[in-house]
Amino acid sequence: MRKFCDIWKKIVILILLFGLVDFFAFGSETFPFNSNLSQSELEKLNDGGIVLRNIGTIKKICMEENVCQYSDEILRMFRDLNPSYLAEIIYKIPLENNSDLIEQAQKIFSDYSLYREIIYTDDYNGERCNLFRKSELIDFSEENSIKVMNLDVRMDMLSEFKAQLLLKEREGEFFFSQINQSPLKWKFITAVGTKKMRAGICCFQNDGFWYVYALGGIKAPRIPFITKEIDHQFIGRIQDFAVFYIQKFNINLDLLKKN
């Protein structure tokens, strides 16, 4: 009987030890990105650059799971979509002297009129044009600190469509998403179906820094002979969209430059 009790005590101690290991592993901050993020991309991130990854498939996403609630929500949103074209954007900001980042994010992403200020530059011919021709509010609602805006939107070369914006925050995190609520058409052809074009952006804290993380993607046919051109046009628009909004943040990068 005593031998049995001793064995049982050891088993309980082992279980508790494993539980403590799991507890500390979950509670500690770890690097939020996996090996899909290359060394050169990591160096650019640490130097204060905007990392833009034209990855094309969810298998190449570099964001780890369980980093924060909102990054997981974005990952689920895009796994559900399984996009044909996909881009990933990452930006790193020192937490010190930038404590109001979430307040700024709420103000910036709530201002749907900014869409009409975004300029897209075509790398092939150097032409510059407005990325969005129209962005008008249909209705707005707010409940439990979750803002929902429905817009009439028109992008260059495409038909007018409806888009839904969602903004929310929790302690130390911010979330923004945009999903089309009607098809995007080119002339009489449906280019992107309803809810097949999505953007998700979150801000979160990790190891003394803010990270701005975004995914943008569409589910659309990959057509031979023009897929490369579509890919180029898509990534260019995503890049100009991301850079425009990141430059709207009033941030202090002095600490980043010293590291």
Protein backbone atom coordinates (compact mmCIF):
# COMPACT_ATOMS: atom_id res chain seq x y z
CA MET A 1 0.00 0.00 0.00
CA ARG A 2 2.82 2.38 0.91
CA LYS A 3 4.60 1.56 -2.33
CA PHE A 4 1.42 2.33 -4.26
CA CYS A 5 1.09 5.69 -2.46
CA ASP A 6 4.71 6.58 -3.28
CA ILE A 7 4.17 5.78 -6.96
CA TRP A 8 0.95 7.78 -7.00
CA LYS A 9 2.71 10.78 -5.41
CA LYS A 10 5.37 10.67 -8.11
CA ILE A 11 2.71 10.56 -10.81
CA VAL A 12 0.90 13.57 -9.30
CA ILE A 13 4.18 15.50 -9.00
CA LEU A 14 4.98 14.79 -12.67
CA ILE A 15 1.53 15.93 -13.74
CA LEU A 16 1.93 19.15 -11.76
CA LEU A 17 5.37 19.75 -13.23
CA PHE A 18 4.07 19.32 -16.76
CA GLY A 19 1.18 21.62 -15.92
CA LEU A 20 3.59 24.30 -14.71
CA VAL A 21 5.67 23.96 -17.87
CA ASP A 22 2.55 24.43 -19.99
CA PHE A 23 1.45 27.35 -17.86
CA PHE A 24 4.73 29.23 -18.20
CA ALA A 25 5.00 28.44 -21.90
CA PHE A 26 1.53 29.85 -22.55
CA GLY A 27 2.04 32.88 -20.35
CA SER A 28 5.41 33.96 -21.76
CA GLU A 29 5.95 36.06 -24.85
CA THR A 30 7.64 34.24 -27.69
CA PHE A 31 8.68 35.41 -31.14
CA PRO A 32 5.41 35.70 -33.09
CA PHE A 33 6.68 34.45 -36.47
CA ASN A 34 7.78 31.07 -37.81
CA SER A 35 10.56 29.99 -40.17
CA ASN A 36 8.58 31.15 -43.23
CA LEU A 37 9.90 34.62 -42.40
CA SER A 38 13.32 34.75 -44.07
CA GLN A 39 16.48 36.16 -42.49
CA SER A 40 16.48 39.11 -44.89
CA GLU A 41 12.82 39.85 -44.07
CA LEU A 42 13.60 39.69 -40.35
CA GLU A 43 16.51 42.10 -40.78
CA LYS A 44 14.28 44.51 -42.70
CA LEU A 45 11.65 44.29 -39.95
CA ASN A 46 14.23 45.01 -37.24
CA ASP A 47 15.59 47.95 -39.25
CA GLY A 48 12.18 49.64 -39.27
CA GLY A 49 11.11 48.57 -42.75
CA ILE A 50 7.68 47.40 -43.87
CA VAL A 51 7.86 43.69 -44.74
CA LEU A 52 5.59 42.81 -47.66
CA ARG A 53 5.33 39.12 -48.57
CA ASN A 54 3.58 38.03 -51.77
CA ILE A 55 2.93 34.46 -50.58
CA GLY A 56 -0.04 33.30 -52.66
CA THR A 57 -1.04 30.51 -50.26
CA ILE A 58 -1.89 30.14 -46.58
CA LYS A 59 0.84 27.49 -46.24
CA LYS A 60 3.46 30.25 -46.47
CA ILE A 61 1.98 32.46 -43.73
CA CYS A 62 4.68 33.33 -41.17
CA MET A 63 2.43 34.27 -38.24
CA GLU A 64 2.43 31.72 -35.42
CA GLU A 65 -0.76 30.50 -33.77
CA ASN A 66 -1.78 31.66 -30.29
CA VAL A 67 0.19 34.91 -30.42
CA CYS A 68 -2.91 36.93 -29.58
CA GLN A 69 -6.67 36.64 -29.92
CA TYR A 70 -6.95 38.93 -32.93
CA SER A 71 -4.06 37.45 -34.92
CA ASP A 72 -5.72 34.04 -34.51
CA GLU A 73 -9.00 35.55 -35.73
CA ILE A 74 -7.28 36.81 -38.88
CA LEU A 75 -5.67 33.41 -39.50
CA ARG A 76 -9.08 31.70 -39.20
CA MET A 77 -10.63 34.26 -41.55
CA PHE A 78 -8.12 33.44 -44.28
CA ARG A 79 -8.01 29.69 -43.75
CA ASP A 80 -11.75 29.75 -44.30
CA LEU A 81 -11.24 31.73 -47.53
CA ASN A 82 -8.29 29.65 -48.84
CA PRO A 83 -7.30 32.51 -51.19
CA SER A 84 -5.76 32.24 -54.65
CA TYR A 85 -3.82 35.49 -54.17
CA LEU A 86 -2.45 36.38 -50.74
CA ALA A 87 -0.14 39.01 -49.29
CA GLU A 88 1.24 39.36 -45.77
CA ILE A 89 2.42 42.65 -44.26
CA ILE A 90 4.39 43.15 -41.02
CA TYR A 91 5.63 46.28 -39.28
CA LYS A 92 7.38 46.70 -35.94
CA ILE A 93 7.17 49.76 -33.67
CA PRO A 94 8.80 50.35 -30.26
CA LEU A 95 6.23 50.30 -27.46
CA GLU A 96 7.97 53.09 -25.58
CA ASN A 97 6.83 56.58 -26.65
CA ASN A 98 4.11 54.99 -28.81
CA SER A 99 1.62 53.98 -26.13
CA ASP A 100 -1.37 55.49 -27.98
CA LEU A 101 -1.09 53.27 -31.07
CA ILE A 102 -4.51 51.66 -30.59
CA GLU A 103 -6.18 55.05 -30.24
CA GLN A 104 -4.49 56.10 -33.47
CA ALA A 105 -5.55 52.87 -35.20
CA GLN A 106 -9.19 53.42 -34.22
CA LYS A 107 -9.12 56.95 -35.62
CA ILE A 108 -7.30 56.05 -38.85
CA PHE A 109 -9.27 52.93 -39.79
CA SER A 110 -12.62 54.51 -38.85
CA ASP A 111 -12.06 57.25 -41.43
CA TYR A 112 -13.37 55.56 -44.57
CA SER A 113 -12.91 58.81 -46.53
CA LEU A 114 -9.16 58.15 -46.50
CA TYR A 115 -9.72 55.43 -49.10
CA ARG A 116 -10.04 58.11 -51.77
CA GLU A 117 -6.58 59.47 -50.88
CA ILE A 118 -4.72 56.22 -51.59
CA ILE A 119 -2.61 56.46 -54.75
CA TYR A 120 -1.67 53.32 -56.67
CA THR A 121 1.47 53.32 -58.81
CA ASP A 122 1.77 50.76 -61.61
CA ASP A 123 5.39 49.54 -61.65
CA TYR A 124 5.09 48.51 -65.31
CA ASN A 125 4.20 51.87 -66.79
CA GLY A 126 4.65 54.26 -63.86
CA GLU A 127 1.05 55.48 -64.04
CA ARG A 128 -0.44 56.85 -60.82
CA CYS A 129 -4.15 56.74 -60.07
CA ASN A 130 -6.58 56.64 -57.16
CA LEU A 131 -6.94 53.11 -55.81
CA PHE A 132 -10.54 53.86 -54.78
CA ARG A 133 -12.86 56.00 -56.87
CA LYS A 134 -15.61 55.99 -54.27
CA SER A 135 -16.13 55.24 -50.56
CA GLU A 136 -19.49 56.30 -49.15
CA LEU A 137 -21.11 55.26 -45.88
CA ILE A 138 -24.39 53.31 -46.07
CA ASP A 139 -24.86 52.72 -42.34
CA PHE A 140 -22.94 52.55 -39.06
CA SER A 141 -23.51 50.65 -35.82
CA GLU A 142 -21.61 50.25 -32.56
CA GLU A 143 -22.29 47.73 -29.82
CA ASN A 144 -20.01 46.55 -27.01
CA SER A 145 -17.13 48.62 -28.49
CA ILE A 146 -17.45 46.83 -31.86
CA LYS A 147 -17.91 49.21 -34.78
CA VAL A 148 -19.47 48.02 -38.04
CA MET A 149 -19.57 50.19 -41.15
CA ASN A 150 -21.17 49.27 -44.47
CA LEU A 151 -19.87 51.17 -47.48
CA ASP A 152 -20.46 51.65 -51.18
CA VAL A 153 -17.00 51.33 -52.72
CA ARG A 154 -15.54 51.48 -56.20
CA MET A 155 -11.99 50.55 -57.19
CA ASP A 156 -10.20 51.51 -60.37
CA MET A 157 -11.36 49.42 -63.39
CA LEU A 158 -13.96 47.51 -61.34
CA SER A 159 -17.68 47.91 -60.68
CA GLU A 160 -19.10 49.46 -57.54
CA PHE A 161 -19.51 47.00 -54.67
CA LYS A 162 -20.53 46.90 -51.02
CA ALA A 163 -17.93 46.38 -48.30
CA GLN A 164 -18.23 45.84 -44.56
CA LEU A 165 -15.62 47.22 -42.16
CA LEU A 166 -15.33 45.89 -38.61
CA LEU A 167 -13.22 47.48 -35.86
CA LYS A 168 -12.73 46.33 -32.29
CA GLU A 169 -10.18 46.39 -29.51
CA ARG A 170 -9.28 44.73 -26.25
CA GLU A 171 -6.46 45.37 -23.80
CA GLY A 172 -3.26 45.78 -25.83
CA GLU A 173 -4.84 44.67 -29.13
CA PHE A 174 -6.66 46.18 -32.12
CA PHE A 175 -8.54 44.47 -34.97
CA PHE A 176 -9.76 45.68 -38.34
CA SER A 177 -11.32 43.71 -41.19
CA GLN A 178 -12.79 44.53 -44.58
CA ILE A 179 -14.88 42.00 -46.54
CA ASN A 180 -16.78 42.62 -49.78
CA GLN A 181 -20.52 42.01 -49.41
CA SER A 182 -21.29 41.95 -53.15
CA PRO A 183 -19.39 40.76 -56.25
CA LEU A 184 -16.68 42.81 -57.96
CA LYS A 185 -17.20 42.90 -61.70
CA TRP A 186 -15.02 43.84 -64.64
CA LYS A 187 -17.41 44.91 -67.38
CA PHE A 188 -19.93 42.03 -67.29
CA ILE A 189 -17.59 39.43 -65.81
CA THR A 190 -17.60 38.60 -62.09
CA ALA A 191 -13.97 38.96 -61.06
CA VAL A 192 -14.42 38.30 -57.32
CA GLY A 193 -17.45 36.73 -55.66
CA THR A 194 -19.23 37.92 -52.51
CA LYS A 195 -17.02 37.69 -49.38
CA LYS A 196 -14.10 36.47 -51.49
CA MET A 197 -11.96 39.60 -51.03
CA ARG A 198 -10.76 40.12 -47.48
CA ALA A 199 -8.32 42.22 -45.51
CA GLY A 200 -7.46 41.72 -41.85
CA ILE A 201 -5.18 43.93 -39.74
CA CYS A 202 -4.26 43.66 -36.08
CA CYS A 203 -1.96 45.50 -33.68
CA PHE A 204 -0.53 43.69 -30.68
CA GLN A 205 2.27 43.97 -28.14
CA ASN A 206 5.17 41.54 -27.90
CA ASP A 207 8.52 41.83 -26.08
CA GLY A 208 8.56 45.62 -25.84
CA PHE A 209 7.22 46.29 -29.34
CA TRP A 210 4.00 46.89 -31.19
CA TYR A 211 3.50 44.69 -34.22
CA VAL A 212 1.17 45.69 -37.04
CA TYR A 213 0.22 42.49 -38.88
CA ALA A 214 -2.00 42.21 -41.94
CA LEU A 215 -3.25 39.71 -44.50
CA GLY A 216 -4.95 40.67 -47.74
CA GLY A 217 -6.29 38.13 -50.20
CA ILE A 218 -8.84 37.18 -52.80
CA LYS A 219 -10.38 33.90 -53.94
CA ALA A 220 -10.46 34.12 -57.73
CA PRO A 221 -9.59 31.87 -60.68
CA ARG A 222 -5.91 31.64 -61.60
CA ILE A 223 -6.19 32.00 -65.38
CA PRO A 224 -3.25 30.89 -67.57
CA PHE A 225 -1.34 33.67 -69.37
CA ILE A 226 -2.73 36.48 -67.18
CA THR A 227 -2.16 35.12 -63.65
CA LYS A 228 1.25 36.79 -63.42
CA GLU A 229 -0.22 40.16 -64.40
CA ILE A 230 -3.09 39.79 -61.90
CA ASP A 231 -0.61 38.83 -59.20
CA HIS A 232 1.52 41.87 -59.96
CA GLN A 233 -1.44 44.25 -59.97
CA PHE A 234 -2.81 42.75 -56.75
CA ILE A 235 0.44 42.92 -54.78
CA GLY A 236 1.06 46.48 -55.97
CA ARG A 237 -2.32 47.61 -54.67
CA ILE A 238 -1.84 45.78 -51.35
CA GLN A 239 1.57 47.41 -50.94
CA ASP A 240 0.30 50.93 -51.60
CA PHE A 241 -2.72 50.34 -49.30
CA ALA A 242 -0.49 49.11 -46.43
CA VAL A 243 2.18 51.79 -46.80
CA PHE A 244 -0.47 54.52 -46.95
CA TYR A 245 -2.04 53.48 -43.63
CA ILE A 246 1.23 52.79 -41.81
CA GLN A 247 2.48 56.25 -42.78
CA LYS A 248 -0.66 57.70 -41.18
CA PHE A 249 0.54 56.57 -37.75
CA ASN A 250 2.33 59.27 -35.75
CA ILE A 251 5.09 57.09 -34.34
CA ASN A 252 8.53 57.46 -32.78
CA LEU A 253 11.08 55.05 -34.24
CA ASP A 254 14.12 56.38 -32.35
CA LEU A 255 14.37 53.34 -30.08
CA LEU A 256 14.13 50.98 -33.05
CA LYS A 257 17.00 52.74 -34.79
CA LYS A 258 19.20 52.37 -31.70
CA ASN A 259 18.71 48.57 -31.51
